[in-house]
Amino acid sequence: MARSTPFSLVFGGLAAERFPALRQAIAHAGRDSRDRDAFLLVREVNEMMQELRPDEGFGEGVRAMAALIHASYLFWLDGERVVALDDPALTRLLVVRPDDRAADSKKPTTAYVQLPSLRVWGIPVDDAAPEPLDGWFATPREDALSVVAVFGLHPGREGMTVAEVTGIAPRGLRRADGSALFAPTLAGGEAARLASIQGEEELLELAWRVEAAT
């Protein structure tokens, strides 16, 4: 049975109801929907952000909300393609980096990459507890990749944690402590076959590996 995505959980029927009109408003305003700054200048986008605003307000989370709405809109615009990695595929990518040339030939469309549940963990907010990485919206941008990642998406929790990183494929990335990339940092993580993301560059590295392999 397919797992829910952040898109289906946050937007659900809202996308089918509102995104077509939003697309018309963006076209009418002469904005480039793939340019986030231009996207956020559209009145209907700001209205949607206000509707989705938590009771306590955005605070520092306004950038994360803007990133999630923009990535979700592009995901819808590009056909709602989900790349669901199974456990063996993820295990291979955690060990071996594919040839980047496969990613270079792709169209710049947004997809949601969904990882096996509770398999990869990270700390998207400084000094906070580790959270499971559900996946990310990936949008190629010329020679860079925009990654809007979603952590902490699991039953029993309202909401999620969103983190964003954009960049070219990292080269020669190493951990300061000498451990292997994606090695688990949680207690008992190795026995449980878990993986961990340390920092933005490691998230970007994994995203580029998936981009090249799928």
N, C-alpha and C. Protein backbone atom coordinates (compact mmCIF):
# COMPACT_ATOMS: atom_id res chain seq x y z
N MET A 1 0.85 -1.19 0.00
CA MET A 1 0.00 0.00 0.00
C MET A 1 0.88 1.24 0.00
N ALA A 2 0.62 2.18 -0.90
CA ALA A 2 1.45 3.37 -1.03
C ALA A 2 1.30 4.25 0.21
N ARG A 3 2.43 4.80 0.66
CA ARG A 3 2.43 5.72 1.78
C ARG A 3 1.99 7.10 1.35
N SER A 4 1.41 7.84 2.27
CA SER A 4 1.06 9.22 1.98
C SER A 4 2.33 10.05 1.82
N THR A 5 2.26 11.08 1.02
CA THR A 5 3.36 12.01 0.85
C THR A 5 3.02 13.31 1.56
N PRO A 6 4.01 14.16 1.82
CA PRO A 6 3.69 15.48 2.38
C PRO A 6 2.70 16.25 1.52
N PHE A 7 2.78 16.07 0.21
CA PHE A 7 1.87 16.76 -0.69
C PHE A 7 0.43 16.33 -0.41
N SER A 8 0.18 15.02 -0.32
CA SER A 8 -1.18 14.55 -0.10
C SER A 8 -1.67 14.90 1.31
N LEU A 9 -0.78 14.92 2.28
CA LEU A 9 -1.18 15.21 3.65
C LEU A 9 -1.48 16.69 3.87
N VAL A 10 -0.67 17.56 3.28
CA VAL A 10 -0.83 19.00 3.51
C VAL A 10 -1.89 19.58 2.58
N PHE A 11 -1.84 19.18 1.31
CA PHE A 11 -2.70 19.81 0.31
C PHE A 11 -3.93 18.98 -0.03
N GLY A 12 -3.78 17.66 -0.08
CA GLY A 12 -4.94 16.80 -0.32
C GLY A 12 -5.78 17.30 -1.48
N GLY A 13 -7.08 17.49 -1.24
CA GLY A 13 -7.96 17.99 -2.27
C GLY A 13 -7.78 19.46 -2.57
N LEU A 14 -7.02 20.16 -1.71
CA LEU A 14 -6.80 21.59 -1.91
C LEU A 14 -6.09 21.86 -3.23
N ALA A 15 -5.17 20.98 -3.61
CA ALA A 15 -4.41 21.19 -4.84
C ALA A 15 -5.32 21.16 -6.06
N ALA A 16 -6.18 20.15 -6.14
CA ALA A 16 -7.09 20.04 -7.28
C ALA A 16 -8.05 21.22 -7.33
N GLU A 17 -8.40 21.74 -6.16
CA GLU A 17 -9.37 22.84 -6.09
C GLU A 17 -8.72 24.19 -6.39
N ARG A 18 -7.48 24.40 -5.91
CA ARG A 18 -6.90 25.73 -5.95
C ARG A 18 -5.74 25.91 -6.93
N PHE A 19 -4.98 24.85 -7.19
CA PHE A 19 -3.78 25.02 -8.01
C PHE A 19 -4.07 25.41 -9.46
N PRO A 20 -5.15 24.89 -10.10
CA PRO A 20 -5.43 25.36 -11.46
C PRO A 20 -5.66 26.86 -11.53
N ALA A 21 -6.41 27.41 -10.57
CA ALA A 21 -6.63 28.86 -10.54
C ALA A 21 -5.34 29.60 -10.23
N LEU A 22 -4.51 28.99 -9.39
CA LEU A 22 -3.22 29.59 -9.07
C LEU A 22 -2.33 29.66 -10.32
N ARG A 23 -2.37 28.61 -11.12
CA ARG A 23 -1.60 28.61 -12.36
C ARG A 23 -2.08 29.73 -13.28
N GLN A 24 -3.38 29.94 -13.37
CA GLN A 24 -3.90 31.03 -14.20
C GLN A 24 -3.48 32.38 -13.66
N ALA A 25 -3.49 32.54 -12.34
CA ALA A 25 -3.10 33.82 -11.74
C ALA A 25 -1.63 34.11 -12.00
N ILE A 26 -0.79 33.09 -11.94
CA ILE A 26 0.64 33.28 -12.20
C ILE A 26 0.86 33.68 -13.65
N ALA A 27 0.15 33.02 -14.56
CA ALA A 27 0.28 33.35 -15.98
C ALA A 27 -0.23 34.77 -16.25
N HIS A 28 -1.35 35.13 -15.62
CA HIS A 28 -1.94 36.46 -15.81
C HIS A 28 -0.99 37.55 -15.31
N ALA A 29 -0.28 37.25 -14.23
CA ALA A 29 0.66 38.22 -13.67
C ALA A 29 1.98 38.26 -14.42
N GLY A 30 2.15 37.33 -15.36
CA GLY A 30 3.39 37.28 -16.13
C GLY A 30 4.59 36.82 -15.31
N ARG A 31 4.33 36.01 -14.30
CA ARG A 31 5.41 35.51 -13.44
C ARG A 31 5.94 34.16 -13.93
N ASP A 32 7.18 33.88 -13.57
CA ASP A 32 7.77 32.58 -13.83
C ASP A 32 7.52 31.70 -12.62
N SER A 33 6.71 30.66 -12.78
CA SER A 33 6.33 29.83 -11.64
C SER A 33 7.51 29.10 -11.02
N ARG A 34 8.60 28.94 -11.78
CA ARG A 34 9.77 28.23 -11.25
C ARG A 34 10.74 29.15 -10.51
N ASP A 35 10.47 30.43 -10.55
CA ASP A 35 11.23 31.42 -9.79
C ASP A 35 10.48 31.68 -8.48
N ARG A 36 11.04 31.24 -7.37
CA ARG A 36 10.28 31.33 -6.12
C ARG A 36 9.98 32.76 -5.73
N ASP A 37 10.91 33.66 -5.91
CA ASP A 37 10.65 35.05 -5.56
C ASP A 37 9.46 35.60 -6.35
N ALA A 38 9.42 35.29 -7.64
CA ALA A 38 8.29 35.74 -8.46
C ALA A 38 7.01 35.03 -8.05
N PHE A 39 7.10 33.76 -7.73
CA PHE A 39 5.96 32.96 -7.29
C PHE A 39 5.32 33.56 -6.04
N LEU A 40 6.16 34.00 -5.10
CA LEU A 40 5.66 34.52 -3.83
C LEU A 40 5.04 35.90 -3.95
N LEU A 41 5.25 36.56 -5.08
CA LEU A 41 4.66 37.88 -5.28
C LEU A 41 3.20 37.80 -5.75
N VAL A 42 2.75 36.61 -6.11
CA VAL A 42 1.37 36.44 -6.58
C VAL A 42 0.41 36.45 -5.39
N ARG A 43 -0.62 37.24 -5.46
CA ARG A 43 -1.54 37.42 -4.33
C ARG A 43 -2.13 36.10 -3.86
N GLU A 44 -2.54 35.25 -4.78
CA GLU A 44 -3.17 33.98 -4.41
C GLU A 44 -2.22 33.07 -3.64
N VAL A 45 -0.93 33.17 -3.92
CA VAL A 45 0.06 32.38 -3.17
C VAL A 45 0.10 32.84 -1.72
N ASN A 46 0.12 34.15 -1.51
CA ASN A 46 0.15 34.68 -0.16
C ASN A 46 -1.13 34.36 0.61
N GLU A 47 -2.25 34.33 -0.09
CA GLU A 47 -3.50 33.94 0.56
C GLU A 47 -3.44 32.50 1.04
N MET A 48 -2.85 31.63 0.21
CA MET A 48 -2.73 30.23 0.60
C MET A 48 -1.80 30.07 1.80
N MET A 49 -0.70 30.83 1.83
CA MET A 49 0.22 30.77 2.96
C MET A 49 -0.48 31.19 4.25
N GLN A 50 -1.33 32.20 4.17
CA GLN A 50 -2.05 32.64 5.37
C GLN A 50 -3.04 31.58 5.84
N GLU A 51 -3.66 30.87 4.90
CA GLU A 51 -4.60 29.81 5.27
C GLU A 51 -3.89 28.65 5.95
N LEU A 52 -2.66 28.38 5.53
CA LEU A 52 -1.91 27.25 6.09
C LEU A 52 -1.08 27.63 7.30
N ARG A 53 -1.11 28.90 7.66
CA ARG A 53 -0.30 29.37 8.79
C ARG A 53 -0.75 28.71 10.09
N PRO A 54 0.21 28.19 10.89
CA PRO A 54 -0.16 27.61 12.19
C PRO A 54 -0.70 28.68 13.13
N ASP A 55 -1.39 28.25 14.17
CA ASP A 55 -2.01 29.19 15.10
C ASP A 55 -1.00 30.13 15.75
N GLU A 56 0.22 29.62 15.98
CA GLU A 56 1.23 30.44 16.63
C GLU A 56 1.98 31.35 15.66
N GLY A 57 1.59 31.31 14.37
CA GLY A 57 2.26 32.14 13.37
C GLY A 57 3.45 31.42 12.77
N PHE A 58 4.06 32.05 11.78
CA PHE A 58 5.19 31.43 11.09
C PHE A 58 6.49 31.56 11.87
N GLY A 59 6.77 32.74 12.38
CA GLY A 59 8.07 32.97 13.00
C GLY A 59 9.18 32.70 11.99
N GLU A 60 10.20 32.00 12.43
CA GLU A 60 11.32 31.66 11.55
C GLU A 60 10.94 30.60 10.52
N GLY A 61 9.75 30.01 10.67
CA GLY A 61 9.34 28.96 9.75
C GLY A 61 8.74 29.46 8.46
N VAL A 62 8.69 30.77 8.26
CA VAL A 62 8.07 31.30 7.04
C VAL A 62 8.84 30.86 5.79
N ARG A 63 10.16 30.79 5.87
CA ARG A 63 10.95 30.35 4.71
C ARG A 63 10.66 28.89 4.39
N ALA A 64 10.53 28.07 5.44
CA ALA A 64 10.23 26.65 5.23
C ALA A 64 8.85 26.47 4.60
N MET A 65 7.87 27.24 5.06
CA MET A 65 6.53 27.15 4.49
C MET A 65 6.53 27.58 3.04
N ALA A 66 7.24 28.66 2.73
CA ALA A 66 7.34 29.12 1.34
C ALA A 66 8.00 28.06 0.47
N ALA A 67 9.04 27.43 0.98
CA ALA A 67 9.73 26.38 0.22
C ALA A 67 8.81 25.19 -0.03
N LEU A 68 8.04 24.80 1.00
CA LEU A 68 7.14 23.65 0.86
C LEU A 68 6.02 23.94 -0.14
N ILE A 69 5.42 25.12 -0.06
CA ILE A 69 4.33 25.45 -0.98
C ILE A 69 4.85 25.53 -2.41
N HIS A 70 5.99 26.16 -2.61
CA HIS A 70 6.52 26.28 -3.97
C HIS A 70 6.89 24.92 -4.54
N ALA A 71 7.58 24.09 -3.75
CA ALA A 71 7.96 22.76 -4.23
C ALA A 71 6.73 21.91 -4.51
N SER A 72 5.71 22.02 -3.67
CA SER A 72 4.48 21.25 -3.87
C SER A 72 3.74 21.70 -5.12
N TYR A 73 3.74 23.00 -5.37
CA TYR A 73 3.10 23.50 -6.59
C TYR A 73 3.83 22.98 -7.83
N LEU A 74 5.15 23.02 -7.83
CA LEU A 74 5.91 22.50 -8.98
C LEU A 74 5.70 21.00 -9.13
N PHE A 75 5.61 20.29 -8.02
CA PHE A 75 5.34 18.85 -8.04
C PHE A 75 4.00 18.58 -8.73
N TRP A 76 2.98 19.36 -8.37
CA TRP A 76 1.67 19.23 -9.02
C TRP A 76 1.76 19.61 -10.50
N LEU A 77 2.43 20.70 -10.79
CA LEU A 77 2.53 21.19 -12.17
C LEU A 77 3.22 20.16 -13.07
N ASP A 78 4.16 19.42 -12.52
CA ASP A 78 4.95 18.45 -13.31
C ASP A 78 4.40 17.03 -13.27
N GLY A 79 3.17 16.87 -12.77
CA GLY A 79 2.53 15.56 -12.87
C GLY A 79 2.54 14.70 -11.63
N GLU A 80 2.97 15.24 -10.49
CA GLU A 80 2.93 14.52 -9.20
C GLU A 80 3.69 13.19 -9.26
N ARG A 81 4.90 13.25 -9.77
CA ARG A 81 5.71 12.03 -9.88
C ARG A 81 6.40 11.71 -8.55
N VAL A 82 6.19 10.50 -8.06
CA VAL A 82 6.81 10.03 -6.82
C VAL A 82 7.85 8.97 -7.16
N VAL A 83 9.06 9.15 -6.66
CA VAL A 83 10.13 8.15 -6.80
C VAL A 83 10.25 7.47 -5.44
N ALA A 84 9.67 6.28 -5.32
CA ALA A 84 9.67 5.55 -4.05
C ALA A 84 10.82 4.54 -4.05
N LEU A 85 11.82 4.78 -3.23
CA LEU A 85 12.95 3.86 -3.14
C LEU A 85 12.62 2.71 -2.21
N ASP A 86 12.92 1.50 -2.64
CA ASP A 86 12.77 0.38 -1.72
C ASP A 86 14.07 0.22 -0.92
N ASP A 87 14.05 -0.67 0.03
CA ASP A 87 15.20 -0.80 0.94
C ASP A 87 16.48 -1.21 0.21
N PRO A 88 16.45 -2.20 -0.70
CA PRO A 88 17.69 -2.56 -1.39
C PRO A 88 18.27 -1.42 -2.22
N ALA A 89 17.39 -0.64 -2.89
CA ALA A 89 17.88 0.47 -3.70
C ALA A 89 18.53 1.53 -2.83
N LEU A 90 17.92 1.85 -1.70
CA LEU A 90 18.51 2.82 -0.80
C LEU A 90 19.84 2.33 -0.26
N THR A 91 19.91 1.06 0.11
CA THR A 91 21.16 0.51 0.63
C THR A 91 22.30 0.66 -0.36
N ARG A 92 22.03 0.39 -1.63
CA ARG A 92 23.06 0.55 -2.66
C ARG A 92 23.52 1.99 -2.77
N LEU A 93 22.58 2.92 -2.74
CA LEU A 93 22.93 4.33 -2.93
C LEU A 93 23.67 4.90 -1.72
N LEU A 94 23.46 4.33 -0.55
CA LEU A 94 24.19 4.78 0.63
C LEU A 94 25.66 4.39 0.56
N VAL A 95 25.96 3.39 -0.27
CA VAL A 95 27.33 2.88 -0.36
C VAL A 95 28.06 3.38 -1.59
N VAL A 96 27.36 3.38 -2.74
CA VAL A 96 28.01 3.68 -4.01
C VAL A 96 27.35 4.88 -4.67
N ARG A 97 28.17 5.78 -5.17
CA ARG A 97 27.65 6.95 -5.88
C ARG A 97 27.55 6.62 -7.36
N PRO A 98 26.35 6.75 -7.97
CA PRO A 98 26.20 6.48 -9.41
C PRO A 98 26.90 7.52 -10.26
N ASP A 99 26.97 7.25 -11.54
CA ASP A 99 27.54 8.18 -12.51
C ASP A 99 26.63 9.39 -12.64
N ASP A 100 27.17 10.59 -12.40
CA ASP A 100 26.36 11.81 -12.45
C ASP A 100 25.80 12.11 -13.82
N ARG A 101 26.37 11.54 -14.87
CA ARG A 101 25.93 11.88 -16.22
C ARG A 101 24.48 11.50 -16.46
N ALA A 102 23.97 10.53 -15.75
CA ALA A 102 22.57 10.13 -15.91
C ALA A 102 21.64 11.26 -15.48
N ALA A 103 22.04 12.03 -14.48
CA ALA A 103 21.20 13.13 -14.00
C ALA A 103 21.26 14.32 -14.95
N ASP A 104 22.36 14.48 -15.65
CA ASP A 104 22.54 15.66 -16.51
C ASP A 104 21.55 15.70 -17.67
N SER A 105 21.07 14.54 -18.12
CA SER A 105 20.23 14.47 -19.31
C SER A 105 18.74 14.62 -19.02
N LYS A 106 18.36 14.82 -17.76
CA LYS A 106 16.95 14.84 -17.40
C LYS A 106 16.31 16.21 -17.59
N LYS A 107 15.00 16.20 -17.81
CA LYS A 107 14.25 17.45 -17.87
C LYS A 107 14.16 18.05 -16.47
N PRO A 108 14.13 19.37 -16.37
CA PRO A 108 14.08 20.01 -15.05
C PRO A 108 12.68 19.99 -14.45
N THR A 109 12.22 18.82 -14.06
CA THR A 109 10.90 18.69 -13.46
C THR A 109 11.03 18.25 -12.00
N THR A 110 10.02 18.59 -11.21
CA THR A 110 10.04 18.29 -9.78
C THR A 110 9.40 16.94 -9.51
N ALA A 111 10.05 16.15 -8.66
CA ALA A 111 9.51 14.87 -8.21
C ALA A 111 9.67 14.79 -6.70
N TYR A 112 8.89 13.91 -6.05
CA TYR A 112 9.07 13.66 -4.63
C TYR A 112 9.76 12.31 -4.46
N VAL A 113 10.90 12.33 -3.80
CA VAL A 113 11.65 11.11 -3.52
C VAL A 113 11.26 10.62 -2.13
N GLN A 114 10.69 9.42 -2.06
CA GLN A 114 10.22 8.87 -0.79
C GLN A 114 11.12 7.72 -0.36
N LEU A 115 11.72 7.84 0.82
CA LEU A 115 12.62 6.83 1.35
C LEU A 115 11.85 5.77 2.12
N PRO A 116 12.45 4.60 2.33
CA PRO A 116 11.82 3.62 3.21
C PRO A 116 11.58 4.22 4.60
N SER A 117 10.45 3.91 5.17
CA SER A 117 10.03 4.55 6.42
C SER A 117 11.02 4.30 7.55
N LEU A 118 11.37 5.39 8.27
CA LEU A 118 12.20 5.35 9.48
C LEU A 118 13.60 4.77 9.25
N ARG A 119 14.07 4.80 8.03
CA ARG A 119 15.39 4.22 7.72
C ARG A 119 16.52 5.24 7.83
N VAL A 120 16.26 6.49 7.46
CA VAL A 120 17.29 7.53 7.47
C VAL A 120 16.88 8.61 8.46
N TRP A 121 17.85 9.05 9.28
CA TRP A 121 17.57 10.02 10.33
C TRP A 121 18.51 11.22 10.21
N GLY A 122 18.05 12.35 10.71
CA GLY A 122 18.88 13.54 10.70
C GLY A 122 18.39 14.54 11.74
N ILE A 123 19.13 15.65 11.88
CA ILE A 123 18.76 16.71 12.81
C ILE A 123 18.57 17.98 11.98
N PRO A 124 17.36 18.22 11.49
CA PRO A 124 17.14 19.38 10.62
C PRO A 124 17.15 20.72 11.35
N VAL A 125 16.97 20.70 12.67
CA VAL A 125 16.98 21.92 13.48
C VAL A 125 18.10 21.79 14.50
N ASP A 126 18.98 22.78 14.55
CA ASP A 126 20.11 22.73 15.48
C ASP A 126 19.66 22.49 16.91
N ASP A 127 20.40 21.60 17.59
CA ASP A 127 20.17 21.30 19.01
C ASP A 127 18.82 20.64 19.29
N ALA A 128 18.17 20.14 18.24
CA ALA A 128 16.90 19.42 18.43
C ALA A 128 17.16 17.92 18.36
N ALA A 129 16.13 17.14 18.65
CA ALA A 129 16.26 15.69 18.60
C ALA A 129 16.28 15.21 17.14
N PRO A 130 16.92 14.06 16.88
CA PRO A 130 16.90 13.50 15.53
C PRO A 130 15.48 13.16 15.10
N GLU A 131 15.24 13.29 13.79
CA GLU A 131 13.94 12.98 13.22
C GLU A 131 14.13 12.11 11.98
N PRO A 132 13.16 11.25 11.67
CA PRO A 132 13.26 10.44 10.45
C PRO A 132 13.06 11.29 9.21
N LEU A 133 13.84 11.00 8.19
CA LEU A 133 13.72 11.70 6.90
C LEU A 133 12.76 10.93 6.02
N ASP A 134 11.58 11.50 5.76
CA ASP A 134 10.60 10.84 4.90
C ASP A 134 11.04 10.88 3.45
N GLY A 135 11.58 12.04 3.02
CA GLY A 135 12.01 12.19 1.63
C GLY A 135 12.18 13.66 1.30
N TRP A 136 12.15 13.98 0.00
CA TRP A 136 12.34 15.37 -0.40
C TRP A 136 11.76 15.62 -1.79
N PHE A 137 11.40 16.88 -2.01
CA PHE A 137 11.05 17.36 -3.34
C PHE A 137 12.37 17.76 -4.02
N ALA A 138 12.62 17.21 -5.19
CA ALA A 138 13.86 17.47 -5.92
C ALA A 138 13.53 18.22 -7.21
N THR A 139 14.18 19.37 -7.39
CA THR A 139 13.98 20.17 -8.60
C THR A 139 15.33 20.53 -9.20
N PRO A 140 15.70 19.94 -10.35
CA PRO A 140 16.95 20.34 -11.01
C PRO A 140 16.88 21.78 -11.49
N ARG A 141 17.98 22.52 -11.30
CA ARG A 141 18.08 23.92 -11.72
C ARG A 141 19.44 24.12 -12.38
N GLU A 142 19.46 24.03 -13.73
CA GLU A 142 20.70 24.10 -14.50
C GLU A 142 21.68 23.06 -13.95
N ASP A 143 22.82 23.48 -13.37
CA ASP A 143 23.76 22.49 -12.87
C ASP A 143 23.57 22.21 -11.38
N ALA A 144 22.53 22.79 -10.76
CA ALA A 144 22.28 22.60 -9.34
C ALA A 144 21.01 21.77 -9.12
N LEU A 145 20.83 21.34 -7.88
CA LEU A 145 19.64 20.59 -7.49
C LEU A 145 19.05 21.26 -6.26
N SER A 146 17.77 21.59 -6.33
CA SER A 146 17.05 22.16 -5.19
C SER A 146 16.36 21.03 -4.43
N VAL A 147 16.62 20.94 -3.14
CA VAL A 147 16.09 19.85 -2.31
C VAL A 147 15.29 20.45 -1.16
N VAL A 148 14.00 20.14 -1.11
CA VAL A 148 13.14 20.54 -0.01
C VAL A 148 12.78 19.27 0.74
N ALA A 149 13.46 19.04 1.86
CA ALA A 149 13.36 17.77 2.58
C ALA A 149 12.32 17.85 3.69
N VAL A 150 11.70 16.71 3.96
CA VAL A 150 10.64 16.63 4.98
C VAL A 150 11.05 15.59 6.02
N PHE A 151 11.21 16.06 7.25
CA PHE A 151 11.56 15.20 8.38
C PHE A 151 10.38 15.09 9.33
N GLY A 152 10.39 14.01 10.11
CA GLY A 152 9.43 13.88 11.20
C GLY A 152 8.01 13.61 10.79
N LEU A 153 7.82 13.05 9.61
CA LEU A 153 6.47 12.73 9.14
C LEU A 153 6.13 11.31 9.56
N HIS A 154 5.32 11.18 10.60
CA HIS A 154 4.96 9.85 11.07
C HIS A 154 3.65 9.92 11.84
N PRO A 155 2.94 8.78 11.95
CA PRO A 155 1.65 8.77 12.66
C PRO A 155 1.82 9.25 14.10
N GLY A 156 0.87 9.98 14.57
CA GLY A 156 0.92 10.45 15.94
C GLY A 156 1.50 11.83 16.09
N ARG A 157 2.03 12.40 15.01
CA ARG A 157 2.58 13.75 15.09
C ARG A 157 1.85 14.65 14.11
N GLU A 158 1.42 15.80 14.58
CA GLU A 158 0.85 16.78 13.68
C GLU A 158 1.98 17.66 13.15
N GLY A 159 2.00 17.81 11.84
CA GLY A 159 3.03 18.65 11.25
C GLY A 159 4.27 17.88 10.83
N MET A 160 5.30 18.64 10.46
CA MET A 160 6.54 18.07 9.96
C MET A 160 7.61 19.14 10.05
N THR A 161 8.85 18.75 9.83
CA THR A 161 9.95 19.70 9.81
C THR A 161 10.50 19.76 8.39
N VAL A 162 10.62 20.97 7.85
CA VAL A 162 11.08 21.16 6.48
C VAL A 162 12.46 21.80 6.49
N ALA A 163 13.36 21.25 5.68
CA ALA A 163 14.71 21.81 5.54
C ALA A 163 15.02 21.90 4.05
N GLU A 164 15.79 22.90 3.67
CA GLU A 164 16.08 23.12 2.25
C GLU A 164 17.57 23.30 2.01
N VAL A 165 18.05 22.75 0.92
CA VAL A 165 19.42 22.96 0.48
C VAL A 165 19.44 22.93 -1.04
N THR A 166 20.26 23.76 -1.64
CA THR A 166 20.41 23.80 -3.10
C THR A 166 21.89 23.88 -3.42
N GLY A 167 22.32 23.11 -4.44
CA GLY A 167 23.72 23.19 -4.82
C GLY A 167 24.10 22.17 -5.86
N ILE A 168 25.32 22.30 -6.33
CA ILE A 168 25.86 21.31 -7.26
C ILE A 168 26.22 20.06 -6.48
N ALA A 169 26.52 18.98 -7.20
CA ALA A 169 26.87 17.73 -6.54
C ALA A 169 28.16 17.91 -5.75
N PRO A 170 28.16 17.58 -4.45
CA PRO A 170 29.38 17.72 -3.65
C PRO A 170 30.50 16.82 -4.18
N ARG A 171 31.72 17.26 -3.98
CA ARG A 171 32.89 16.48 -4.39
C ARG A 171 33.81 16.28 -3.19
N GLY A 172 34.28 15.07 -3.02
CA GLY A 172 35.23 14.79 -1.95
C GLY A 172 34.67 15.01 -0.56
N LEU A 173 33.37 14.81 -0.39
CA LEU A 173 32.74 15.05 0.90
C LEU A 173 33.18 13.99 1.91
N ARG A 174 33.58 14.46 3.09
CA ARG A 174 34.00 13.57 4.18
C ARG A 174 33.50 14.11 5.50
N ARG A 175 33.25 13.19 6.42
CA ARG A 175 32.87 13.61 7.76
C ARG A 175 34.11 13.98 8.57
N ALA A 176 33.94 14.95 9.45
CA ALA A 176 35.06 15.42 10.25
C ALA A 176 35.61 14.33 11.17
N ASP A 177 34.75 13.43 11.62
CA ASP A 177 35.21 12.38 12.55
C ASP A 177 35.76 11.16 11.84
N GLY A 178 35.77 11.20 10.49
CA GLY A 178 36.34 10.09 9.73
C GLY A 178 35.39 8.93 9.48
N SER A 179 34.18 9.00 10.02
CA SER A 179 33.22 7.92 9.77
C SER A 179 32.69 8.02 8.35
N ALA A 180 32.14 6.93 7.86
CA ALA A 180 31.63 6.89 6.50
C ALA A 180 30.41 7.79 6.35
N LEU A 181 30.23 8.34 5.15
CA LEU A 181 29.02 9.10 4.87
C LEU A 181 27.79 8.23 5.14
N PHE A 182 26.79 8.82 5.76
CA PHE A 182 25.51 8.18 6.06
C PHE A 182 25.60 7.11 7.15
N ALA A 183 26.76 6.96 7.78
CA ALA A 183 26.86 6.01 8.90
C ALA A 183 25.93 6.45 10.02
N PRO A 184 25.29 5.52 10.71
CA PRO A 184 24.31 5.90 11.74
C PRO A 184 24.98 6.58 12.93
N THR A 185 24.30 7.57 13.46
CA THR A 185 24.77 8.27 14.66
C THR A 185 23.86 8.01 15.85
N LEU A 186 22.74 7.35 15.62
CA LEU A 186 21.84 7.01 16.72
C LEU A 186 22.36 5.78 17.46
N ALA A 187 22.12 5.73 18.75
CA ALA A 187 22.50 4.55 19.53
C ALA A 187 21.76 3.33 18.99
N GLY A 188 22.50 2.27 18.72
CA GLY A 188 21.91 1.05 18.19
C GLY A 188 21.57 1.13 16.72
N GLY A 189 21.98 2.22 16.07
CA GLY A 189 21.62 2.41 14.67
C GLY A 189 22.23 1.40 13.73
N GLU A 190 23.44 0.98 14.00
CA GLU A 190 24.07 0.00 13.10
C GLU A 190 23.35 -1.33 13.14
N ALA A 191 23.00 -1.79 14.34
CA ALA A 191 22.28 -3.07 14.47
C ALA A 191 20.91 -2.99 13.81
N ALA A 192 20.29 -1.81 13.85
CA ALA A 192 18.96 -1.63 13.26
C ALA A 192 19.02 -1.28 11.78
N ARG A 193 20.23 -1.23 11.22
CA ARG A 193 20.44 -0.91 9.81
C ARG A 193 19.91 0.48 9.45
N LEU A 194 20.11 1.43 10.35
CA LEU A 194 19.70 2.79 10.09
C LEU A 194 20.84 3.56 9.42
N ALA A 195 20.50 4.69 8.84
CA ALA A 195 21.49 5.60 8.27
C ALA A 195 21.21 6.99 8.84
N SER A 196 22.24 7.84 8.82
CA SER A 196 22.08 9.19 9.34
C SER A 196 22.61 10.21 8.34
N ILE A 197 21.96 11.36 8.33
CA ILE A 197 22.39 12.51 7.53
C ILE A 197 23.03 13.51 8.48
N GLN A 198 24.27 13.89 8.18
CA GLN A 198 24.94 14.91 8.98
C GLN A 198 25.14 16.16 8.13
N GLY A 199 24.36 17.16 8.38
CA GLY A 199 24.54 18.44 7.71
C GLY A 199 23.91 18.51 6.33
N GLU A 200 23.84 19.74 5.81
CA GLU A 200 23.19 19.99 4.53
C GLU A 200 23.90 19.31 3.37
N GLU A 201 25.24 19.29 3.41
CA GLU A 201 25.97 18.72 2.28
C GLU A 201 25.73 17.22 2.14
N GLU A 202 25.57 16.55 3.26
CA GLU A 202 25.32 15.11 3.20
C GLU A 202 23.91 14.84 2.65
N LEU A 203 22.95 15.68 3.01
CA LEU A 203 21.61 15.58 2.42
C LEU A 203 21.69 15.81 0.92
N LEU A 204 22.43 16.83 0.51
CA LEU A 204 22.57 17.13 -0.91
C LEU A 204 23.26 15.98 -1.65
N GLU A 205 24.25 15.38 -1.02
CA GLU A 205 24.94 14.24 -1.62
C GLU A 205 23.99 13.08 -1.87
N LEU A 206 23.16 12.76 -0.90
CA LEU A 206 22.22 11.65 -1.08
C LEU A 206 21.20 11.98 -2.17
N ALA A 207 20.74 13.22 -2.18
CA ALA A 207 19.77 13.62 -3.21
C ALA A 207 20.37 13.51 -4.61
N TRP A 208 21.62 13.90 -4.76
CA TRP A 208 22.27 13.78 -6.07
C TRP A 208 22.46 12.31 -6.46
N ARG A 209 22.76 11.46 -5.50
CA ARG A 209 22.90 10.03 -5.82
C ARG A 209 21.58 9.46 -6.34
N VAL A 210 20.49 9.85 -5.69
CA VAL A 210 19.18 9.36 -6.15
C VAL A 210 18.87 9.94 -7.53
N GLU A 211 19.19 11.22 -7.74
CA GLU A 211 18.92 11.87 -9.03
C GLU A 211 19.64 11.15 -10.15
N ALA A 212 20.86 10.72 -9.91
CA ALA A 212 21.64 10.05 -10.94
C ALA A 212 21.19 8.63 -11.20
N ALA A 213 20.54 8.02 -10.19
CA ALA A 213 20.20 6.60 -10.30
C ALA A 213 18.76 6.33 -10.74
N THR A 214 17.92 7.37 -10.76
CA THR A 214 16.49 7.13 -11.03
C THR A 214 16.04 7.86 -12.29
